C-alpha atoms as a PDB file:
ATOM      1  CA  MET A   1      32.126  -0.720   5.908  1.00  0.00           C
ATOM      2  CA  ALA A   2      35.220  -2.887   5.564  1.00  0.00           C
ATOM      3  CA  HIS A   3      35.404  -6.221   7.454  1.00  0.00           C
ATOM      4  CA  ASP A   4      38.413  -8.255   8.401  1.00  0.00           C
ATOM      5  CA  HIS A   5      36.694 -11.586   7.877  1.00  0.00           C
ATOM      6  CA  ASP A   6      38.290 -14.136   5.616  1.00  0.00           C
ATOM      7  CA  HIS A   7      35.447 -14.773   3.122  1.00  0.00           C
ATOM      8  CA  ASP A   8      35.284 -17.385   0.426  1.00  0.00           C
ATOM      9  CA  CYS A   9      33.240 -15.114  -1.835  1.00  0.00           C
ATOM     10  CA  CYS A  10      31.209 -15.387  -4.988  1.00  0.00           C
ATOM     11  CA  GLY A  11      32.194 -13.417  -8.015  1.00  0.00           C
ATOM     12  CA  GLY A  12      34.996 -11.618  -6.278  1.00  0.00           C
ATOM     13  CA  HIS A  13      32.736  -9.608  -3.974  1.00  0.00           C
ATOM     14  CA  GLY A  14      33.226  -9.216  -0.288  1.00  0.00           C
ATOM     15  CA  HIS A  15      30.072 -11.242   0.417  1.00  0.00           C
ATOM     16  CA  GLY A  16      28.073 -14.088  -0.880  1.00  0.00           C
ATOM     17  CA  HIS A  17      24.727 -13.081  -2.288  1.00  0.00           C
ATOM     18  CA  GLY A  18      21.807 -14.329  -4.293  1.00  0.00           C
ATOM     19  CA  HIS A  19      18.781 -12.852  -6.037  1.00  0.00           C
ATOM     20  CA  SER A  20      15.667 -14.751  -7.022  1.00  0.00           C
ATOM     21  CA  HIS A  21      13.033 -13.227  -9.268  1.00  0.00           C
ATOM     22  CA  ALA A  22      11.695 -16.421 -10.844  1.00  0.00           C
ATOM     23  CA  PRO A  23       7.994 -16.104 -11.699  1.00  0.00           C
ATOM     24  CA  GLY A  24       5.408 -18.604 -10.578  1.00  0.00           C
ATOM     25  CA  HIS A  25       6.328 -19.047  -6.929  1.00  0.00           C
ATOM     26  CA  ALA A  26       3.438 -20.007  -4.734  1.00  0.00           C
ATOM     27  CA  HIS A  27       3.579 -17.636  -1.806  1.00  0.00           C
ATOM     28  CA  ALA A  28       1.931 -18.365   1.491  1.00  0.00           C
ATOM     29  CA  PRO A  29      -1.041 -16.226   2.569  1.00  0.00           C
ATOM     30  CA  GLY A  30      -0.092 -12.879   4.040  1.00  0.00           C
ATOM     31  CA  HIS A  31       3.027 -12.460   1.919  1.00  0.00           C
ATOM     32  CA  VAL A  32       3.558  -9.091   0.350  1.00  0.00           C
ATOM     33  CA  HIS A  33       5.690 -10.110  -2.640  1.00  0.00           C
ATOM     34  CA  ALA A  34       3.204  -9.275  -5.391  1.00  0.00           C
ATOM     35  CA  HIS A  35       3.516  -7.518  -8.722  1.00  0.00           C
ATOM     36  CA  ALA A  36       0.726  -5.393 -10.244  1.00  0.00           C
ATOM     37  CA  PRO A  37      -0.519  -6.588 -13.558  1.00  0.00           C
ATOM     38  CA  THR A  38       1.027  -4.938 -16.552  1.00  0.00           C
ATOM     39  CA  ASP A  39      -2.155  -3.306 -17.732  1.00  0.00           C
ATOM     40  CA  PHE A  40      -2.785  -1.294 -14.616  1.00  0.00           C
ATOM     41  CA  GLY A  41      -1.948   1.890 -16.492  1.00  0.00           C
ATOM     42  CA  ARG A  42      -5.043   1.393 -18.680  1.00  0.00           C
ATOM     43  CA  ARG A  43      -7.101   0.610 -15.603  1.00  0.00           C
ATOM     44  CA  PHE A  44      -5.924   3.774 -13.851  1.00  0.00           C
ATOM     45  CA  LEU A  45      -6.931   5.779 -16.957  1.00  0.00           C
ATOM     46  CA  ILE A  46     -10.338   4.256 -17.085  1.00  0.00           C
ATOM     47  CA  GLY A  47     -10.903   4.823 -13.367  1.00  0.00           C
ATOM     48  CA  ILE A  48      -9.742   8.433 -13.553  1.00  0.00           C
ATOM     49  CA  VAL A  49     -12.028   9.240 -16.497  1.00  0.00           C
ATOM     50  CA  LEU A  50     -15.041   7.551 -14.904  1.00  0.00           C
ATOM     51  CA  ASN A  51     -14.564   9.294 -11.548  1.00  0.00           C
ATOM     52  CA  ALA A  52     -13.710  12.704 -12.928  1.00  0.00           C
ATOM     53  CA  GLY A  53     -16.879  12.677 -15.051  1.00  0.00           C
ATOM     54  CA  PHE A  54     -18.953  11.565 -12.043  1.00  0.00           C
ATOM     55  CA  VAL A  55     -17.456  14.305  -9.850  1.00  0.00           C
ATOM     56  CA  VAL A  56     -18.762  16.922 -12.234  1.00  0.00           C
ATOM     57  CA  VAL A  57     -22.185  15.358 -12.316  1.00  0.00           C
ATOM     58  CA  GLU A  58     -22.397  14.814  -8.542  1.00  0.00           C
ATOM     59  CA  LEU A  59     -21.144  18.249  -7.644  1.00  0.00           C
ATOM     60  CA  GLY A  60     -23.650  19.821 -10.021  1.00  0.00           C
ATOM     61  CA  PHE A  61     -26.608  17.939  -8.625  1.00  0.00           C
ATOM     62  CA  GLY A  62     -25.320  18.496  -5.074  1.00  0.00           C
ATOM     63  CA  LEU A  63     -25.332  22.266  -5.551  1.00  0.00           C
ATOM     64  CA  LEU A  64     -28.659  22.080  -7.384  1.00  0.00           C
ATOM     65  CA  SER A  65     -30.324  20.034  -4.616  1.00  0.00           C
ATOM     66  CA  ASP A  66     -28.364  21.850  -1.819  1.00  0.00           C
ATOM     67  CA  SER A  67     -27.290  18.457  -0.401  1.00  0.00           C
ATOM     68  CA  VAL A  68     -24.176  18.596   1.730  1.00  0.00           C
ATOM     69  CA  ALA A  69     -23.994  14.799   1.655  1.00  0.00           C
ATOM     70  CA  LEU A  70     -23.749  14.794  -2.128  1.00  0.00           C
ATOM     71  CA  ILE A  71     -21.244  17.683  -2.062  1.00  0.00           C
ATOM     72  CA  ALA A  72     -19.195  15.858   0.567  1.00  0.00           C
ATOM     73  CA  ASP A  73     -19.275  12.672  -1.583  1.00  0.00           C
ATOM     74  CA  ALA A  74     -18.260  14.711  -4.699  1.00  0.00           C
ATOM     75  CA  GLY A  75     -15.340  16.198  -2.749  1.00  0.00           C
ATOM     76  CA  HIS A  76     -14.277  12.757  -1.656  1.00  0.00           C
ATOM     77  CA  ASN A  77     -14.541  11.472  -5.231  1.00  0.00           C
ATOM     78  CA  LEU A  78     -12.417  14.369  -6.368  1.00  0.00           C
ATOM     79  CA  SER A  79      -9.768  13.407  -3.869  1.00  0.00           C
ATOM     80  CA  ASP A  80      -9.936   9.931  -5.209  1.00  0.00           C
ATOM     81  CA  VAL A  81      -9.269  11.223  -8.743  1.00  0.00           C
ATOM     82  CA  LEU A  82      -6.102  12.860  -7.390  1.00  0.00           C
ATOM     83  CA  GLY A  83      -5.372   9.692  -5.486  1.00  0.00           C
ATOM     84  CA  LEU A  84      -5.642   7.600  -8.596  1.00  0.00           C
ATOM     85  CA  LEU A  85      -3.324  10.004 -10.411  1.00  0.00           C
ATOM     86  CA  VAL A  86      -0.717   9.810  -7.591  1.00  0.00           C
ATOM     87  CA  ALA A  87      -0.987   5.988  -7.443  1.00  0.00           C
ATOM     88  CA  TRP A  88      -0.615   5.757 -11.195  1.00  0.00           C
ATOM     89  CA  GLY A  89       2.407   8.102 -11.067  1.00  0.00           C
ATOM     90  CA  GLY A  90       3.967   5.999  -8.324  1.00  0.00           C
ATOM     91  CA  ALA A  91       3.494   2.786 -10.239  1.00  0.00           C
ATOM     92  CA  ALA A  92       4.898   4.394 -13.421  1.00  0.00           C
ATOM     93  CA  LEU A  93       7.950   5.664 -11.569  1.00  0.00           C
ATOM     94  CA  ALA A  94       8.511   2.258  -9.989  1.00  0.00           C
ATOM     95  CA  ALA A  95       8.802   0.690 -13.458  1.00  0.00           C
ATOM     96  CA  ARG A  96      11.665   2.938 -14.423  1.00  0.00           C
ATOM     97  CA  PRO A  97      15.197   1.414 -14.349  1.00  0.00           C
ATOM     98  CA  PRO A  98      17.917   2.422 -11.812  1.00  0.00           C
ATOM     99  CA  ARG A  99      19.914   5.493 -12.658  1.00  0.00           C
ATOM    100  CA  GLY A 100      22.540   7.593 -10.947  1.00  0.00           C
ATOM    101  CA  ARG A 101      22.009   7.871  -7.235  1.00  0.00           C
ATOM    102  CA  PHE A 102      18.781   5.905  -7.475  1.00  0.00           C
ATOM    103  CA  THR A 103      20.387   2.417  -7.398  1.00  0.00           C
ATOM    104  CA  TYR A 104      17.066   0.749  -6.583  1.00  0.00           C
ATOM    105  CA  GLY A 105      15.350   2.724  -9.355  1.00  0.00           C
ATOM    106  CA  PHE A 106      12.223   4.597  -8.226  1.00  0.00           C
ATOM    107  CA  LYS A 107      10.382   1.687  -6.624  1.00  0.00           C
ATOM    108  CA  GLY A 108       9.890   3.627  -3.370  1.00  0.00           C
ATOM    109  CA  ALA A 109       7.589   6.036  -5.199  1.00  0.00           C
ATOM    110  CA  THR A 110       4.740   3.609  -4.637  1.00  0.00           C
ATOM    111  CA  ILE A 111       5.256   3.914  -0.830  1.00  0.00           C
ATOM    112  CA  LEU A 112       5.200   7.723  -1.139  1.00  0.00           C
ATOM    113  CA  ALA A 113       2.063   7.532  -3.293  1.00  0.00           C
ATOM    114  CA  ALA A 114       0.256   5.419  -0.702  1.00  0.00           C
ATOM    115  CA  LEU A 115       1.318   7.758   2.133  1.00  0.00           C
ATOM    116  CA  PHE A 116       0.271  10.853   0.171  1.00  0.00           C
ATOM    117  CA  ASN A 117      -3.099   9.318  -0.617  1.00  0.00           C
ATOM    118  CA  ALA A 118      -3.775   8.537   3.025  1.00  0.00           C
ATOM    119  CA  VAL A 119      -2.704  11.978   4.332  1.00  0.00           C
ATOM    120  CA  PHE A 120      -4.608  13.878   1.594  1.00  0.00           C
ATOM    121  CA  LEU A 121      -7.772  11.819   2.195  1.00  0.00           C
ATOM    122  CA  LEU A 122      -7.745  12.539   5.975  1.00  0.00           C
ATOM    123  CA  VAL A 123      -7.266  16.293   5.377  1.00  0.00           C
ATOM    124  CA  ALA A 124     -10.194  16.313   2.959  1.00  0.00           C
ATOM    125  CA  VAL A 125     -12.313  14.412   5.522  1.00  0.00           C
ATOM    126  CA  GLY A 126     -11.586  17.104   8.102  1.00  0.00           C
ATOM    127  CA  ALA A 127     -12.749  19.927   5.877  1.00  0.00           C
ATOM    128  CA  LEU A 128     -15.878  18.116   4.872  1.00  0.00           C
ATOM    129  CA  SER A 129     -16.745  17.246   8.484  1.00  0.00           C
ATOM    130  CA  LEU A 130     -16.579  20.928   9.465  1.00  0.00           C
ATOM    131  CA  GLU A 131     -19.102  21.768   6.740  1.00  0.00           C
ATOM    132  CA  ALA A 132     -21.410  18.954   7.876  1.00  0.00           C
ATOM    133  CA  VAL A 133     -21.309  20.204  11.473  1.00  0.00           C
ATOM    134  CA  ARG A 134     -22.205  23.744  10.288  1.00  0.00           C
ATOM    135  CA  ARG A 135     -25.258  22.286   8.505  1.00  0.00           C
ATOM    136  CA  PHE A 136     -26.564  20.914  11.804  1.00  0.00           C
ATOM    137  CA  PHE A 137     -26.928  24.478  13.020  1.00  0.00           C
ATOM    138  CA  GLU A 138     -27.953  25.919   9.652  1.00  0.00           C
ATOM    139  CA  PRO A 139     -30.186  23.303   8.033  1.00  0.00           C
ATOM    140  CA  ALA A 140     -31.195  23.790   4.409  1.00  0.00           C
ATOM    141  CA  PRO A 141     -33.908  22.113   2.221  1.00  0.00           C
ATOM    142  CA  VAL A 142     -32.626  19.063   0.344  1.00  0.00           C
ATOM    143  CA  GLU A 143     -33.836  17.536  -2.886  1.00  0.00           C
ATOM    144  CA  ALA A 144     -33.802  13.981  -1.527  1.00  0.00           C
ATOM    145  CA  GLY A 145     -34.934  12.478  -4.848  1.00  0.00           C
ATOM    146  CA  VAL A 146     -31.919  13.905  -6.566  1.00  0.00           C
ATOM    147  CA  MET A 147     -29.696  12.580  -3.757  1.00  0.00           C
ATOM    148  CA  VAL A 148     -31.015   9.077  -4.277  1.00  0.00           C
ATOM    149  CA  GLY A 149     -30.623   9.080  -8.062  1.00  0.00           C
ATOM    150  CA  VAL A 150     -27.084  10.526  -8.159  1.00  0.00           C
ATOM    151  CA  ALA A 151     -25.852   8.394  -5.278  1.00  0.00           C
ATOM    152  CA  PHE A 152     -27.191   5.262  -7.035  1.00  0.00           C
ATOM    153  CA  ALA A 153     -25.168   6.240 -10.087  1.00  0.00           C
ATOM    154  CA  GLY A 154     -22.200   6.601  -7.677  1.00  0.00           C
ATOM    155  CA  ILE A 155     -22.582   2.973  -6.552  1.00  0.00           C
ATOM    156  CA  LEU A 156     -22.238   1.830 -10.184  1.00  0.00           C
ATOM    157  CA  VAL A 157     -19.280   4.097 -11.002  1.00  0.00           C
ATOM    158  CA  ASN A 158     -17.289   3.465  -7.778  1.00  0.00           C
ATOM    159  CA  GLY A 159     -18.054  -0.263  -7.787  1.00  0.00           C
ATOM    160  CA  ALA A 160     -16.823  -0.622 -11.386  1.00  0.00           C
ATOM    161  CA  THR A 161     -13.673   1.332 -10.602  1.00  0.00           C
ATOM    162  CA  ALA A 162     -12.981  -0.778  -7.445  1.00  0.00           C
ATOM    163  CA  ALA A 163     -13.290  -3.915  -9.580  1.00  0.00           C
ATOM    164  CA  LEU A 164     -10.466  -2.644 -11.827  1.00  0.00           C
ATOM    165  CA  PHE A 165      -8.013  -2.858  -8.855  1.00  0.00           C
ATOM    166  CA  PHE A 166      -9.371  -5.954  -7.106  1.00  0.00           C
ATOM    167  CA  SER A 167      -6.660  -8.195  -8.376  1.00  0.00           C
ATOM    168  CA  GLY A 168      -3.847  -5.860  -7.195  1.00  0.00           C
ATOM    169  CA  ARG A 169      -4.882  -5.676  -3.477  1.00  0.00           C
ATOM    170  CA  ALA A 170      -1.680  -7.347  -2.262  1.00  0.00           C
ATOM    171  CA  ASP A 171       0.271  -4.217  -3.301  1.00  0.00           C
ATOM    172  CA  LEU A 172      -0.247  -1.432  -0.746  1.00  0.00           C
ATOM    173  CA  ASN A 173      -0.358   1.212  -3.467  1.00  0.00           C
ATOM    174  CA  MET A 174      -2.995  -0.695  -5.414  1.00  0.00           C
ATOM    175  CA  ARG A 175      -4.843  -1.585  -2.218  1.00  0.00           C
ATOM    176  CA  GLY A 176      -5.149   2.132  -1.436  1.00  0.00           C
ATOM    177  CA  ALA A 177      -6.863   2.670  -4.856  1.00  0.00           C
ATOM    178  CA  PHE A 178      -9.076  -0.309  -4.328  1.00  0.00           C
ATOM    179  CA  LEU A 179     -10.109   0.606  -0.784  1.00  0.00           C
ATOM    180  CA  HIS A 180     -10.950   4.150  -1.836  1.00  0.00           C
ATOM    181  CA  MET A 181     -13.197   3.001  -4.619  1.00  0.00           C
ATOM    182  CA  ALA A 182     -14.845   0.217  -2.604  1.00  0.00           C
ATOM    183  CA  ALA A 183     -15.434   2.644   0.291  1.00  0.00           C
ATOM    184  CA  ASP A 184     -16.971   5.095  -2.172  1.00  0.00           C
ATOM    185  CA  ALA A 185     -19.417   2.502  -3.381  1.00  0.00           C
ATOM    186  CA  ALA A 186     -20.503   1.784   0.203  1.00  0.00           C
ATOM    187  CA  ILE A 187     -20.700   5.499   0.967  1.00  0.00           C
ATOM    188  CA  SER A 188     -22.929   6.112  -2.077  1.00  0.00           C
ATOM    189  CA  ALA A 189     -25.201   3.407  -0.780  1.00  0.00           C
ATOM    190  CA  GLY A 190     -25.347   5.320   2.527  1.00  0.00           C
ATOM    191  CA  VAL A 191     -26.394   8.439   0.683  1.00  0.00           C
ATOM    192  CA  VAL A 192     -29.132   6.476  -1.067  1.00  0.00           C
ATOM    193  CA  VAL A 193     -30.471   5.308   2.320  1.00  0.00           C
ATOM    194  CA  ALA A 194     -30.284   8.881   3.674  1.00  0.00           C
ATOM    195  CA  GLY A 195     -32.209  10.262   0.723  1.00  0.00           C
ATOM    196  CA  LEU A 196     -34.914   7.671   1.087  1.00  0.00           C
ATOM    197  CA  LEU A 197     -35.220   8.434   4.826  1.00  0.00           C
ATOM    198  CA  ILE A 198     -35.475  12.169   4.171  1.00  0.00           C
ATOM    199  CA  LEU A 199     -38.185  11.464   1.605  1.00  0.00           C
ATOM    200  CA  ALA A 200     -40.055   9.430   4.127  1.00  0.00           C
ATOM    201  CA  THR A 201     -39.552  11.589   7.245  1.00  0.00           C
ATOM    202  CA  GLY A 202     -38.628  15.085   6.048  1.00  0.00           C
ATOM    203  CA  LEU A 203     -35.853  15.252   8.688  1.00  0.00           C
ATOM    204  CA  LEU A 204     -33.185  17.490   7.121  1.00  0.00           C
ATOM    205  CA  TRP A 205     -30.572  16.730   9.805  1.00  0.00           C
ATOM    206  CA  LEU A 206     -30.229  13.228   8.231  1.00  0.00           C
ATOM    207  CA  ASP A 207     -28.231  14.884   5.430  1.00  0.00           C
ATOM    208  CA  PRO A 208     -25.313  16.240   7.519  1.00  0.00           C
ATOM    209  CA  LEU A 209     -25.468  13.177   9.757  1.00  0.00           C
ATOM    210  CA  THR A 210     -24.940  11.012   6.710  1.00  0.00           C
ATOM    211  CA  SER A 211     -22.001  13.168   5.687  1.00  0.00           C
ATOM    212  CA  LEU A 212     -20.359  12.638   9.098  1.00  0.00           C
ATOM    213  CA  LEU A 213     -20.985   8.914   8.938  1.00  0.00           C
ATOM    214  CA  ILE A 214     -19.432   8.863   5.491  1.00  0.00           C
ATOM    215  CA  ASN A 215     -16.378  10.606   6.839  1.00  0.00           C
ATOM    216  CA  ALA A 216     -16.106   8.210   9.766  1.00  0.00           C
ATOM    217  CA  VAL A 217     -16.123   5.312   7.360  1.00  0.00           C
ATOM    218  CA  ILE A 218     -13.345   6.953   5.330  1.00  0.00           C
ATOM    219  CA  VAL A 219     -11.180   7.537   8.376  1.00  0.00           C
ATOM    220  CA  ALA A 220     -11.632   3.922   9.530  1.00  0.00           C
ATOM    221  CA  GLY A 221     -10.655   2.568   6.122  1.00  0.00           C
ATOM    222  CA  THR A 222      -7.768   4.952   5.596  1.00  0.00           C
ATOM    223  CA  TRP A 223      -6.070   4.609   8.994  1.00  0.00           C
ATOM    224  CA  SER A 224      -4.490   1.259   8.298  1.00  0.00           C
ATOM    225  CA  LEU A 225      -3.258   2.583   4.938  1.00  0.00           C
ATOM    226  CA  LEU A 226      -1.690   5.639   6.638  1.00  0.00           C
ATOM    227  CA  ARG A 227      -0.033   3.496   9.330  1.00  0.00           C
ATOM    228  CA  GLU A 228       1.416   0.929   7.035  1.00  0.00           C
ATOM    229  CA  SER A 229       2.622   3.441   4.412  1.00  0.00           C
ATOM    230  CA  ALA A 230       4.228   5.505   7.159  1.00  0.00           C
ATOM    231  CA  PHE A 231       5.966   2.406   8.547  1.00  0.00           C
ATOM    232  CA  MET A 232       7.141   1.442   5.079  1.00  0.00           C
ATOM    233  CA  SER A 233       8.546   4.929   4.507  1.00  0.00           C
ATOM    234  CA  LEU A 234      10.670   4.397   7.624  1.00  0.00           C
ATOM    235  CA  ALA A 235      11.997   1.086   6.199  1.00  0.00           C
ATOM    236  CA  ALA A 236       9.971  -1.027   8.596  1.00  0.00           C
ATOM    237  CA  ALA A 237       9.553  -4.664   7.534  1.00  0.00           C
ATOM    238  CA  PRO A 238       6.295  -5.134   5.622  1.00  0.00           C
ATOM    239  CA  GLN A 239       3.397  -6.318   7.690  1.00  0.00           C
ATOM    240  CA  GLY A 240       3.074  -9.644   5.980  1.00  0.00           C
ATOM    241  CA  VAL A 241       6.670 -10.797   6.666  1.00  0.00           C
ATOM    242  CA  ASP A 242       7.140 -12.878   9.831  1.00  0.00           C
ATOM    243  CA  LEU A 243      10.586 -11.776  10.981  1.00  0.00           C
ATOM    244  CA  ALA A 244      10.869 -14.523  13.629  1.00  0.00           C
ATOM    245  CA  ALA A 245      10.131 -17.154  10.967  1.00  0.00           C
ATOM    246  CA  VAL A 246      12.661 -15.630   8.589  1.00  0.00           C
ATOM    247  CA  ARG A 247      15.337 -15.683  11.268  1.00  0.00           C
ATOM    248  CA  ALA A 248      14.535 -19.247  12.243  1.00  0.00           C
ATOM    249  CA  PHE A 249      14.715 -20.341   8.617  1.00  0.00           C
ATOM    250  CA  LEU A 250      18.138 -18.769   8.081  1.00  0.00           C
ATOM    251  CA  ALA A 251      19.444 -20.189  11.370  1.00  0.00           C
ATOM    252  CA  SER A 252      18.337 -23.644  10.382  1.00  0.00           C
ATOM    253  CA  ARG A 253      20.189 -23.650   7.021  1.00  0.00           C
ATOM    254  CA  PRO A 254      22.896 -26.319   6.732  1.00  0.00           C
ATOM    255  CA  GLY A 255      26.199 -25.245   8.220  1.00  0.00           C
ATOM    256  CA  VAL A 256      24.876 -21.991   9.746  1.00  0.00           C
ATOM    257  CA  ALA A 257      25.992 -21.666  13.384  1.00  0.00           C
ATOM    258  CA  GLY A 258      24.679 -18.140  13.909  1.00  0.00           C
ATOM    259  CA  LEU A 259      23.430 -15.031  12.217  1.00  0.00           C
ATOM    260  CA  HIS A 260      23.276 -11.298  12.915  1.00  0.00           C
ATOM    261  CA  ASP A 261      22.753  -7.919  11.282  1.00  0.00           C
ATOM    262  CA  MET A 262      19.490  -9.207   9.671  1.00  0.00           C
ATOM    263  CA  HIS A 263      17.448  -6.405   8.070  1.00  0.00           C
ATOM    264  CA  VAL A 264      14.213  -6.592   6.128  1.00  0.00           C
ATOM    265  CA  TRP A 265      12.677  -3.569   4.400  1.00  0.00           C
ATOM    266  CA  PRO A 266      10.360  -2.658   1.578  1.00  0.00           C
ATOM    267  CA  MET A 267      11.867  -1.538  -1.705  1.00  0.00           C
ATOM    268  CA  SER A 268       8.394  -0.677  -2.868  1.00  0.00           C
ATOM    269  CA  THR A 269       4.866  -1.568  -1.888  1.00  0.00           C
ATOM    270  CA  SER A 270       5.260  -4.953  -3.579  1.00  0.00           C
ATOM    271  CA  GLU A 271       8.969  -5.844  -3.288  1.00  0.00           C
ATOM    272  CA  THR A 272      10.946  -6.730  -0.174  1.00  0.00           C
ATOM    273  CA  ALA A 273      14.705  -6.880   0.435  1.00  0.00           C
ATOM    274  CA  LEU A 274      16.792  -8.646   3.070  1.00  0.00           C
ATOM    275  CA  THR A 275      20.391  -8.533   4.165  1.00  0.00           C
ATOM    276  CA  ALA A 276      21.978 -10.762   6.823  1.00  0.00           C
ATOM    277  CA  HIS A 277      25.357 -12.012   8.048  1.00  0.00           C
ATOM    278  CA  LEU A 278      25.628 -15.817   8.329  1.00  0.00           C
ATOM    279  CA  LEU A 279      28.347 -17.535  10.431  1.00  0.00           C
ATOM    280  CA  THR A 280      29.474 -20.846   8.832  1.00  0.00           C
ATOM    281  CA  PRO A 281      32.528 -22.186  10.739  1.00  0.00           C
ATOM    282  CA  ALA A 282      32.969 -25.105   8.313  1.00  0.00           C
ATOM    283  CA  GLY A 283      33.721 -22.732   5.507  1.00  0.00           C
ATOM    284  CA  HIS A 284      31.906 -20.954   2.747  1.00  0.00           C
ATOM    285  CA  PRO A 285      28.859 -23.142   1.757  1.00  0.00           C
ATOM    286  CA  GLY A 286      29.056 -22.230  -1.938  1.00  0.00           C
ATOM    287  CA  ASP A 287      26.914 -20.527  -4.514  1.00  0.00           C
ATOM    288  CA  ALA A 288      24.347 -23.271  -4.659  1.00  0.00           C
ATOM    289  CA  PHE A 289      23.628 -22.723  -0.946  1.00  0.00           C
ATOM    290  CA  LEU A 290      23.199 -18.971  -1.505  1.00  0.00           C
ATOM    291  CA  MET A 291      20.966 -19.293  -4.501  1.00  0.00           C
ATOM    292  CA  GLU A 292      18.795 -21.986  -2.873  1.00  0.00           C
ATOM    293  CA  THR A 293      18.466 -19.840   0.272  1.00  0.00           C
ATOM    294  CA  ALA A 294      17.342 -16.886  -1.851  1.00  0.00           C
ATOM    295  CA  ARG A 295      14.792 -18.971  -3.695  1.00  0.00           C
ATOM    296  CA  GLU A 296      13.363 -20.306  -0.446  1.00  0.00           C
ATOM    297  CA  LEU A 297      13.137 -16.844   1.060  1.00  0.00           C
ATOM    298  CA  ASP A 298      11.196 -15.684  -1.990  1.00  0.00           C
ATOM    299  CA  ALA A 299       8.889 -18.688  -2.022  1.00  0.00           C
ATOM    300  CA  ARG A 300       8.259 -18.840   1.703  1.00  0.00           C
ATOM    301  CA  PHE A 301       8.248 -15.199   2.782  1.00  0.00           C
ATOM    302  CA  GLY A 302       7.984 -13.106  -0.432  1.00  0.00           C
ATOM    303  CA  VAL A 303      11.463 -11.667   0.037  1.00  0.00           C
ATOM    304  CA  GLY A 304      12.751 -11.328  -3.499  1.00  0.00           C
ATOM    305  CA  HIS A 305      15.943  -9.279  -3.094  1.00  0.00           C
ATOM    306  CA  VAL A 306      18.407 -11.170  -0.870  1.00  0.00           C
ATOM    307  CA  THR A 307      21.983 -10.317   0.062  1.00  0.00           C
ATOM    308  CA  LEU A 308      23.856 -12.648   2.396  1.00  0.00           C
ATOM    309  CA  GLN A 309      27.294 -12.128   3.853  1.00  0.00           C
ATOM    310  CA  VAL A 310      29.178 -15.278   4.864  1.00  0.00           C
ATOM    311  CA  GLU A 311      31.575 -15.178   7.861  1.00  0.00           C
ATOM    312  CA  THR A 312      33.625 -18.242   8.590  1.00  0.00           C
ATOM    313  CA  ASP A 313      35.754 -17.300  11.651  1.00  0.00           C
ATOM    314  CA  SER A 314      33.869 -16.771  14.901  1.00  0.00           C
ATOM    315  CA  ARG A 315      37.043 -15.553  16.534  1.00  0.00           C
ATOM    316  CA  THR A 316      37.009 -12.441  14.414  1.00  0.00           C
ATOM    317  CA  PRO A 317      34.202 -10.246  15.806  1.00  0.00           C
ATOM    318  CA  CYS A 318      31.935  -8.574  13.236  1.00  0.00           C
ATOM    319  CA  ALA A 319      31.552  -4.810  13.633  1.00  0.00           C
ATOM    320  CA  LEU A 320      27.819  -5.118  13.011  1.00  0.00           C
ATOM    321  CA  ALA A 321      27.108  -7.677  15.743  1.00  0.00           C
ATOM    322  CA  PRO A 322      24.919  -7.916  17.763  1.00  0.00           C
ATOM    323  CA  ASP A 323      21.640  -7.197  16.046  1.00  0.00           C
ATOM    324  CA  ASP A 324      20.851  -3.932  17.930  1.00  0.00           C
ATOM    325  CA  ARG A 325      23.957  -2.346  16.356  1.00  0.00           C
ATOM    326  CA  VAL A 326      23.186  -0.614  12.976  1.00  0.00           C
END
C-alpha cells in the first residue's frame, strides 16, 4: 500500500527497518524466541528408530497377551513415530532458504507440523477409546505379567526419547515431540501399575480402564498443543509475547509520539516477527535508533524480525490507523 507520508528513510526504502539476529541474547522467561540445536536431526532419527522398534515389540506382546492397554499404548507409540517424522520434516523444511513465493522460506512448516501432530493424536485417541469401551462389555483374559514387563521397557524407551528433546521445549514443534514422549513414559508407568493390580486382584476391567485413563492423559497433554498451534496457524501472537509490554516499550522510545498498525505474528514455532508504524514529529530518528529498537525487542521479548515504518507528519493521516484497521 502506498503512503503519502514524507519519510526520511534508510537505504532508499519507504520505511525504516531493523533486523537483529545476534546470538547470545539473554531472554526473559516466557519468551518464545528459541532455536533448536543443530543436531536435532540426529535426535529425531534416534527417537524414531527406538520407538518404531518398540512399537513392533509392544504390539506383538499386546496381541499375545490379549491386553487392550498394551495395544492402545502400541497404537499411541505408532502415532508418535509418525509425529516424530512430521516434526522432523517440519524442522528440516524450516531450515531451507527463501525461494520464489516463499519469501520467509518454509519456517511455517513447524507450525503445521505441530498442528498435524495434535490433530492426529486426538483422532488416534478416539479410536483407541472406542476399543477400550468395547472391552468393558466383552472382557478377555489378560497376561498381566507380560503387560508389566513390556510396559516397563516402554518407560525406558519413551523416557530416553523424551530426554533427546528436553533442551528444545521452548520451540512448540519440539515441545510437541517432548510432551508426547514424556507422556508415553508416564502412560507406560500406568500400564505397569494396572498389570500389577490385575495380578493381585484378577479384575480384568482394570485393563480397559487403564486404556481410558491413558487416553485422558493424552488428551489433557495435547489440548494446549492443539490450541497454540491452531492460534499460530492463524498468525496470532505467540503465547509468550506480552503485547501490552511491547506496545509500551515502543511508545516509550525517544521521540516517539504515537504508534499504530502494530502486528506480531509467528514466522515459525521459534521465530517471531513484528511490524509497526511510529510517529516521530521531530523527524526521522536515524538508523541507530532503528537498530537499537530491534535489538531491544529481540532481547526483551524474543521478537527477532522487526520492521518499523517511521511517520513524521501527524497532519497526514495514515491509511492503516487506527489499530483495528488491517
